Amino acid sequence: MGIKWDENELATLYEMAEMYTPKQIAFRLKRRGYHRTISAVKRKLYSLGYSTRPVLDNYSCREIAKNLCVPPTTIRYSLRKPLNVQCD
């Protein structure tokens, strides 16, 4: 288990999660005196429900669920569930 994220780090992460890449977030955390690797930032973002893929907007599962009026677990399940699409 790694070093626990403190409240200021998490505030920075939440603030930047939707607009910056994990690399940019790690850089900004380092400038603020925290030492998190890019992979640590990615893992934390993922655990909070954010996407870390550069082709997607970084919306959290919580935000999507709130807008769709469903529980966040429904969104997480839907995103992880394989699509069973059949082409004719």
N, C-alpha and C. Protein backbone atom coordinates (compact mmCIF):
# COMPACT_ATOMS: atom_id res chain seq x y z
N MET A 1 0.85 -1.18 0.00
CA MET A 1 0.00 0.00 0.00
C MET A 1 0.89 1.24 0.00
N GLY A 2 0.50 2.24 -0.78
CA GLY A 2 1.30 3.44 -0.91
C GLY A 2 0.99 4.49 0.14
N ILE A 3 1.54 5.65 -0.08
CA ILE A 3 1.33 6.77 0.82
C ILE A 3 -0.08 7.32 0.61
N LYS A 4 -0.76 7.58 1.70
CA LYS A 4 -2.14 8.07 1.65
C LYS A 4 -2.17 9.48 1.04
N TRP A 5 -3.16 9.71 0.20
CA TRP A 5 -3.34 11.03 -0.41
C TRP A 5 -3.92 11.98 0.63
N ASP A 6 -3.32 13.16 0.78
CA ASP A 6 -3.88 14.10 1.74
C ASP A 6 -4.94 14.98 1.06
N GLU A 7 -5.65 15.74 1.85
CA GLU A 7 -6.79 16.51 1.33
C GLU A 7 -6.39 17.53 0.28
N ASN A 8 -5.24 18.17 0.44
CA ASN A 8 -4.79 19.17 -0.54
C ASN A 8 -4.45 18.52 -1.88
N GLU A 9 -3.83 17.34 -1.82
CA GLU A 9 -3.53 16.60 -3.05
C GLU A 9 -4.82 16.21 -3.77
N LEU A 10 -5.78 15.70 -3.01
CA LEU A 10 -7.05 15.30 -3.60
C LEU A 10 -7.79 16.50 -4.18
N ALA A 11 -7.72 17.63 -3.50
CA ALA A 11 -8.37 18.84 -4.02
C ALA A 11 -7.75 19.23 -5.36
N THR A 12 -6.43 19.15 -5.45
CA THR A 12 -5.74 19.44 -6.70
C THR A 12 -6.15 18.44 -7.77
N LEU A 13 -6.23 17.18 -7.40
CA LEU A 13 -6.60 16.14 -8.35
C LEU A 13 -8.02 16.36 -8.87
N TYR A 14 -8.97 16.63 -7.99
CA TYR A 14 -10.34 16.89 -8.42
C TYR A 14 -10.41 18.12 -9.33
N GLU A 15 -9.65 19.13 -8.98
CA GLU A 15 -9.65 20.38 -9.74
C GLU A 15 -9.15 20.17 -11.16
N MET A 16 -8.17 19.30 -11.32
CA MET A 16 -7.51 19.12 -12.61
C MET A 16 -7.96 17.89 -13.39
N ALA A 17 -8.71 17.01 -12.77
CA ALA A 17 -9.02 15.71 -13.37
C ALA A 17 -9.73 15.81 -14.71
N GLU A 18 -10.56 16.78 -14.89
CA GLU A 18 -11.36 16.86 -16.10
C GLU A 18 -10.70 17.64 -17.22
N MET A 19 -9.59 18.32 -16.94
CA MET A 19 -8.98 19.16 -17.96
C MET A 19 -7.53 18.82 -18.28
N TYR A 20 -6.89 18.00 -17.46
CA TYR A 20 -5.47 17.74 -17.65
C TYR A 20 -5.19 16.24 -17.74
N THR A 21 -4.08 15.90 -18.38
CA THR A 21 -3.66 14.50 -18.45
C THR A 21 -3.00 14.11 -17.14
N PRO A 22 -2.89 12.81 -16.86
CA PRO A 22 -2.20 12.39 -15.63
C PRO A 22 -0.76 12.92 -15.56
N LYS A 23 -0.09 13.01 -16.68
CA LYS A 23 1.28 13.55 -16.71
C LYS A 23 1.29 15.01 -16.25
N GLN A 24 0.36 15.79 -16.75
CA GLN A 24 0.28 17.20 -16.37
C GLN A 24 -0.09 17.35 -14.89
N ILE A 25 -0.99 16.49 -14.41
CA ILE A 25 -1.39 16.54 -13.00
C ILE A 25 -0.21 16.20 -12.11
N ALA A 26 0.54 15.14 -12.47
CA ALA A 26 1.72 14.75 -11.68
C ALA A 26 2.74 15.89 -11.64
N PHE A 27 2.92 16.57 -12.76
CA PHE A 27 3.84 17.71 -12.82
C PHE A 27 3.39 18.83 -11.89
N ARG A 28 2.11 19.15 -11.93
CA ARG A 28 1.59 20.22 -11.08
C ARG A 28 1.63 19.85 -9.59
N LEU A 29 1.39 18.58 -9.29
CA LEU A 29 1.52 18.14 -7.90
C LEU A 29 2.96 18.28 -7.43
N LYS A 30 3.89 17.93 -8.30
CA LYS A 30 5.31 18.03 -7.94
C LYS A 30 5.68 19.49 -7.67
N ARG A 31 5.16 20.41 -8.46
CA ARG A 31 5.44 21.83 -8.26
C ARG A 31 4.87 22.34 -6.95
N ARG A 32 3.84 21.67 -6.45
CA ARG A 32 3.22 22.05 -5.17
C ARG A 32 3.83 21.30 -3.99
N GLY A 33 4.89 20.52 -4.26
CA GLY A 33 5.60 19.86 -3.18
C GLY A 33 5.21 18.42 -2.91
N TYR A 34 4.35 17.85 -3.74
CA TYR A 34 3.95 16.45 -3.58
C TYR A 34 4.72 15.60 -4.57
N HIS A 35 4.91 14.35 -4.24
CA HIS A 35 5.68 13.47 -5.11
C HIS A 35 4.84 12.26 -5.49
N ARG A 36 4.09 12.39 -6.57
CA ARG A 36 3.26 11.31 -7.09
C ARG A 36 3.72 10.99 -8.51
N THR A 37 3.85 9.72 -8.79
CA THR A 37 4.22 9.32 -10.14
C THR A 37 3.00 9.42 -11.05
N ILE A 38 3.26 9.38 -12.35
CA ILE A 38 2.17 9.41 -13.32
C ILE A 38 1.26 8.21 -13.11
N SER A 39 1.85 7.04 -12.86
CA SER A 39 1.02 5.84 -12.66
C SER A 39 0.19 5.95 -11.38
N ALA A 40 0.72 6.59 -10.34
CA ALA A 40 -0.05 6.79 -9.11
C ALA A 40 -1.24 7.70 -9.37
N VAL A 41 -1.03 8.74 -10.16
CA VAL A 41 -2.12 9.65 -10.51
C VAL A 41 -3.17 8.91 -11.33
N LYS A 42 -2.72 8.10 -12.29
CA LYS A 42 -3.67 7.31 -13.11
C LYS A 42 -4.49 6.37 -12.24
N ARG A 43 -3.84 5.67 -11.33
CA ARG A 43 -4.56 4.73 -10.45
C ARG A 43 -5.59 5.45 -9.59
N LYS A 44 -5.20 6.62 -9.06
CA LYS A 44 -6.13 7.36 -8.21
C LYS A 44 -7.31 7.88 -9.02
N LEU A 45 -7.04 8.41 -10.21
CA LEU A 45 -8.12 8.88 -11.07
C LEU A 45 -9.08 7.74 -11.39
N TYR A 46 -8.51 6.58 -11.72
CA TYR A 46 -9.33 5.41 -12.05
C TYR A 46 -10.18 4.99 -10.85
N SER A 47 -9.57 4.99 -9.66
CA SER A 47 -10.32 4.59 -8.47
C SER A 47 -11.44 5.57 -8.13
N LEU A 48 -11.29 6.82 -8.57
CA LEU A 48 -12.32 7.83 -8.35
C LEU A 48 -13.37 7.84 -9.46
N GLY A 49 -13.15 6.99 -10.47
CA GLY A 49 -14.13 6.89 -11.55
C GLY A 49 -13.86 7.76 -12.75
N TYR A 50 -12.68 8.37 -12.83
CA TYR A 50 -12.34 9.20 -13.98
C TYR A 50 -11.67 8.36 -15.06
N SER A 51 -11.86 8.77 -16.29
CA SER A 51 -11.17 8.13 -17.40
C SER A 51 -9.79 8.75 -17.52
N THR A 52 -8.80 7.93 -17.87
CA THR A 52 -7.45 8.47 -18.10
C THR A 52 -7.05 8.32 -19.56
N ARG A 53 -7.99 7.91 -20.39
CA ARG A 53 -7.69 7.79 -21.81
C ARG A 53 -7.73 9.17 -22.45
N PRO A 54 -6.74 9.50 -23.27
CA PRO A 54 -6.68 10.84 -23.86
C PRO A 54 -7.77 11.13 -24.89
N VAL A 55 -8.41 10.09 -25.43
CA VAL A 55 -9.43 10.32 -26.45
C VAL A 55 -10.79 10.64 -25.86
N LEU A 56 -10.95 10.45 -24.57
CA LEU A 56 -12.22 10.73 -23.91
C LEU A 56 -12.12 12.00 -23.08
N ASP A 57 -13.22 12.68 -22.94
CA ASP A 57 -13.26 13.74 -21.95
C ASP A 57 -13.26 13.06 -20.60
N ASN A 58 -12.61 13.66 -19.65
CA ASN A 58 -12.47 13.04 -18.33
C ASN A 58 -13.67 13.32 -17.45
N TYR A 59 -14.77 12.69 -17.76
CA TYR A 59 -15.94 12.79 -16.90
C TYR A 59 -15.89 11.67 -15.88
N SER A 60 -16.22 11.97 -14.67
CA SER A 60 -16.24 10.92 -13.66
C SER A 60 -17.55 10.15 -13.76
N CYS A 61 -17.51 8.91 -13.29
CA CYS A 61 -18.74 8.10 -13.25
C CYS A 61 -19.79 8.79 -12.40
N ARG A 62 -19.33 9.44 -11.34
CA ARG A 62 -20.25 10.14 -10.44
C ARG A 62 -20.99 11.26 -11.19
N GLU A 63 -20.27 12.03 -12.03
CA GLU A 63 -20.90 13.11 -12.78
C GLU A 63 -21.91 12.59 -13.79
N ILE A 64 -21.52 11.54 -14.51
CA ILE A 64 -22.41 10.95 -15.51
C ILE A 64 -23.66 10.42 -14.82
N ALA A 65 -23.47 9.71 -13.71
CA ALA A 65 -24.60 9.15 -12.97
C ALA A 65 -25.54 10.25 -12.48
N LYS A 66 -24.97 11.32 -11.99
CA LYS A 66 -25.77 12.43 -11.49
C LYS A 66 -26.63 13.02 -12.62
N ASN A 67 -26.03 13.19 -13.80
CA ASN A 67 -26.76 13.74 -14.93
C ASN A 67 -27.82 12.79 -15.48
N LEU A 68 -27.59 11.49 -15.33
CA LEU A 68 -28.55 10.49 -15.81
C LEU A 68 -29.52 10.03 -14.72
N CYS A 69 -29.31 10.52 -13.49
CA CYS A 69 -30.15 10.16 -12.35
C CYS A 69 -30.12 8.65 -12.07
N VAL A 70 -28.93 8.08 -12.09
CA VAL A 70 -28.72 6.67 -11.75
C VAL A 70 -27.56 6.58 -10.78
N PRO A 71 -27.43 5.47 -10.06
CA PRO A 71 -26.30 5.32 -9.14
C PRO A 71 -24.97 5.20 -9.90
N PRO A 72 -23.86 5.70 -9.34
CA PRO A 72 -22.56 5.60 -10.01
C PRO A 72 -22.15 4.16 -10.32
N THR A 73 -22.57 3.21 -9.50
CA THR A 73 -22.21 1.81 -9.75
C THR A 73 -22.83 1.31 -11.06
N THR A 74 -23.97 1.83 -11.42
CA THR A 74 -24.61 1.46 -12.69
C THR A 74 -23.73 1.89 -13.86
N ILE A 75 -23.18 3.07 -13.77
CA ILE A 75 -22.31 3.58 -14.83
C ILE A 75 -21.03 2.76 -14.89
N ARG A 76 -20.42 2.49 -13.75
CA ARG A 76 -19.18 1.70 -13.72
C ARG A 76 -19.41 0.31 -14.32
N TYR A 77 -20.53 -0.31 -13.94
CA TYR A 77 -20.85 -1.63 -14.45
C TYR A 77 -21.03 -1.59 -15.97
N SER A 78 -21.74 -0.57 -16.45
CA SER A 78 -21.99 -0.44 -17.88
C SER A 78 -20.71 -0.23 -18.67
N LEU A 79 -19.78 0.54 -18.11
CA LEU A 79 -18.53 0.81 -18.81
C LEU A 79 -17.62 -0.41 -18.85
N ARG A 80 -17.68 -1.24 -17.84
CA ARG A 80 -16.80 -2.41 -17.77
C ARG A 80 -17.39 -3.64 -18.46
N LYS A 81 -18.70 -3.62 -18.68
CA LYS A 81 -19.40 -4.75 -19.27
C LYS A 81 -19.08 -4.81 -20.77
N PRO A 82 -18.70 -5.99 -21.27
CA PRO A 82 -18.44 -6.09 -22.71
C PRO A 82 -19.72 -5.94 -23.51
N LEU A 83 -19.59 -5.32 -24.66
CA LEU A 83 -20.75 -5.15 -25.52
C LEU A 83 -21.03 -6.44 -26.28
N ASN A 84 -22.25 -6.87 -26.27
CA ASN A 84 -22.66 -8.07 -27.00
C ASN A 84 -23.45 -7.64 -28.23
N VAL A 85 -22.73 -7.10 -29.19
CA VAL A 85 -23.35 -6.60 -30.41
C VAL A 85 -23.17 -7.64 -31.51
N GLN A 86 -24.25 -7.93 -32.20
CA GLN A 86 -24.17 -8.87 -33.30
C GLN A 86 -24.46 -8.13 -34.60
N CYS A 87 -23.62 -8.36 -35.58
CA CYS A 87 -23.81 -7.73 -36.89
C CYS A 87 -24.42 -8.76 -37.84
N ASP A 88 -25.39 -8.34 -38.60
CA ASP A 88 -26.01 -9.25 -39.57
C ASP A 88 -25.35 -9.13 -40.92
